[in-house]
Protein backbone atom coordinates (compact mmCIF):
# COMPACT_ATOMS: atom_id res chain seq x y z
CA UNK A 1 183.79 127.99 96.83
CA UNK A 2 186.99 127.29 94.80
CA UNK A 3 186.49 126.77 90.86
CA UNK A 4 189.20 124.73 88.96
CA UNK A 5 189.50 125.38 85.26
CA UNK A 6 191.30 122.69 82.73
CA UNK A 7 191.83 122.76 79.09
CA UNK A 8 193.23 120.21 76.58
CA UNK A 9 196.70 120.64 75.00
CA UNK A 10 195.83 122.61 72.07
CA UNK A 11 193.30 124.50 74.01
CA UNK A 12 189.83 124.05 72.06
CA UNK A 13 188.58 122.91 74.76
CA UNK A 14 188.46 124.94 78.39
CA UNK A 15 185.89 123.73 81.53
CA UNK A 16 185.71 124.79 84.73
CA UNK A 17 184.59 122.64 88.22
CA UNK A 18 183.54 124.41 91.35
CA UNK A 19 184.18 122.50 93.88
CA UNK A 20 184.66 120.76 96.16
CA UNK A 21 186.56 117.78 94.69
CA UNK A 22 184.47 115.14 95.94
CA UNK A 23 187.13 112.15 95.40
CA UNK A 24 190.51 112.11 94.03
CA UNK A 25 191.80 108.49 93.33
CA UNK A 26 194.48 106.38 91.19
CA UNK A 27 192.66 103.48 89.38
CA UNK A 28 194.45 100.50 87.93
CA UNK A 29 191.68 98.61 86.38
CA UNK A 30 193.31 97.70 83.02
CA UNK A 31 190.86 99.70 81.07
CA UNK A 32 191.88 102.97 82.57
CA UNK A 33 195.76 101.67 81.85
CA UNK A 34 195.21 101.18 78.10
CA UNK A 35 192.73 104.29 77.78
CA UNK A 36 195.76 106.33 79.30
CA UNK A 37 198.74 103.95 78.26
CA UNK A 38 200.09 104.32 81.80
CA UNK A 39 200.51 102.71 84.75
CA UNK A 40 197.11 104.26 86.49
CA UNK A 41 194.59 106.63 85.72
CA UNK A 42 194.60 109.71 88.29
CA UNK A 43 190.89 111.12 88.49
CA UNK A 44 189.08 113.38 90.14
CA UNK A 45 185.16 113.07 90.74
CA UNK A 46 182.71 115.73 90.88
CA UNK A 47 178.69 116.11 90.62
CA UNK A 48 177.77 116.65 87.53
CA UNK A 49 176.58 119.75 87.82
CA UNK A 50 179.87 121.15 89.19
CA UNK A 51 181.26 120.34 85.82
CA UNK A 52 181.04 123.60 83.70
CA UNK A 53 182.20 123.61 79.91
CA UNK A 54 183.66 127.20 79.05
CA UNK A 55 184.62 126.71 75.31
CA UNK A 56 184.88 123.48 73.03
CA UNK A 57 182.52 121.27 73.98
CA UNK A 58 181.19 120.03 70.71
CA UNK A 59 184.99 118.87 70.23
CA UNK A 60 184.87 116.72 73.22
CA UNK A 61 184.64 112.97 71.77
CA UNK A 62 183.14 110.53 73.98
CA UNK A 63 183.52 106.55 73.71
CA UNK A 64 181.75 104.15 75.89
CA UNK A 65 183.28 100.89 75.92
CA UNK A 66 180.56 98.30 74.66
CA UNK A 67 179.57 95.11 76.72
CA UNK A 68 180.92 97.06 79.81
CA UNK A 69 178.59 97.91 82.72
CA UNK A 70 180.19 101.50 83.32
CA UNK A 71 183.22 102.26 81.37
CA UNK A 72 183.40 105.24 79.17
CA UNK A 73 186.21 107.88 78.32
CA UNK A 74 186.07 110.84 76.23
CA UNK A 75 188.80 113.37 74.58
CA UNK A 76 189.51 116.23 72.70
CA UNK A 77 188.68 115.21 68.50
CA UNK A 78 192.51 117.72 67.61
CA UNK A 79 194.85 116.93 69.97
CA UNK A 80 193.62 113.44 71.61
CA UNK A 81 193.67 114.51 75.27
CA UNK A 82 191.56 113.16 77.81
CA UNK A 83 188.65 115.47 78.76
CA UNK A 84 186.52 115.32 81.36
CA UNK A 85 183.03 113.16 80.91
CA UNK A 86 179.82 111.99 82.74
CA UNK A 87 179.25 109.22 84.16
CA UNK A 88 176.90 106.65 82.24
CA UNK A 89 173.81 107.49 85.54
CA UNK A 90 174.83 111.52 84.29
CA UNK A 91 174.90 111.96 88.36
CA UNK A 92 178.68 112.49 88.20
CA UNK A 93 181.42 113.90 86.16
CA UNK A 94 185.33 112.16 85.88
CA UNK A 95 188.41 114.33 85.09
CA UNK A 96 191.64 113.47 84.39
CA UNK A 97 193.61 115.24 87.10
CA UNK A 98 196.08 116.20 84.59
CA UNK A 99 193.69 118.45 82.43
CA UNK A 100 193.40 120.86 84.81
CA UNK A 101 195.25 123.92 84.50
CA UNK A 102 196.31 125.43 88.06
CA UNK A 103 196.82 124.05 90.89
CA UNK A 104 194.27 121.76 92.87
CA UNK A 105 195.26 121.76 96.59
CA UNK A 106 194.37 118.12 96.75
CA UNK A 107 196.34 114.78 95.83
CA UNK A 108 195.11 111.34 95.39
CA UNK A 109 193.86 109.47 98.65
CA UNK A 110 193.04 106.09 97.30
CA UNK A 111 194.65 103.41 95.18
CA UNK A 112 191.31 101.41 93.48
CA UNK A 113 191.38 98.03 91.53
CA UNK A 114 194.99 97.12 93.04
CA UNK A 115 194.61 93.85 92.36
CA UNK A 116 194.67 94.97 88.78
CA UNK A 117 197.46 96.89 88.59
CA UNK A 118 200.38 96.41 86.43
CA UNK A 119 203.15 93.74 87.22
CA UNK A 120 206.14 96.27 86.41
CA UNK A 121 204.33 99.05 88.42
CA UNK A 122 205.74 99.85 92.11
CA UNK A 123 204.16 102.01 94.34
CA UNK A 124 206.74 104.24 96.22
CA UNK A 125 209.99 102.94 94.12
CA UNK A 126 211.76 105.83 95.23
CA UNK A 127 212.64 106.88 91.57
CA UNK A 128 214.14 110.40 90.68
CA UNK A 129 211.59 113.07 90.15
CA UNK A 130 212.10 115.30 87.01
CA UNK A 131 210.27 118.63 86.47
């Protein structure tokens, strides 16, 4: 089974996810937009036991939104990069796809909370791609 490694921008934190990647989605909810500063979050969801910290776990800060049933986020205390976190139930880990260091050989297969998407977001708008 494939293992996928990831890290934060400053390199303080590194993690590994043992495949398979159970779900891969784009979330358009207003909370994910606020937490990422983007039109949507792009998340990989795996079993909690598939996530393993390689270094820097103590540098991960977690924020659980008060009064929210399930929303949480985690980030590097030094550089602010989004980092993996367990769901409140502890059964799954959520990883922002951009935190992976290597090719995933997978792509998001759905948009969730589509009705909440940003009014300026246009899906498949044909804009140029920059590397």
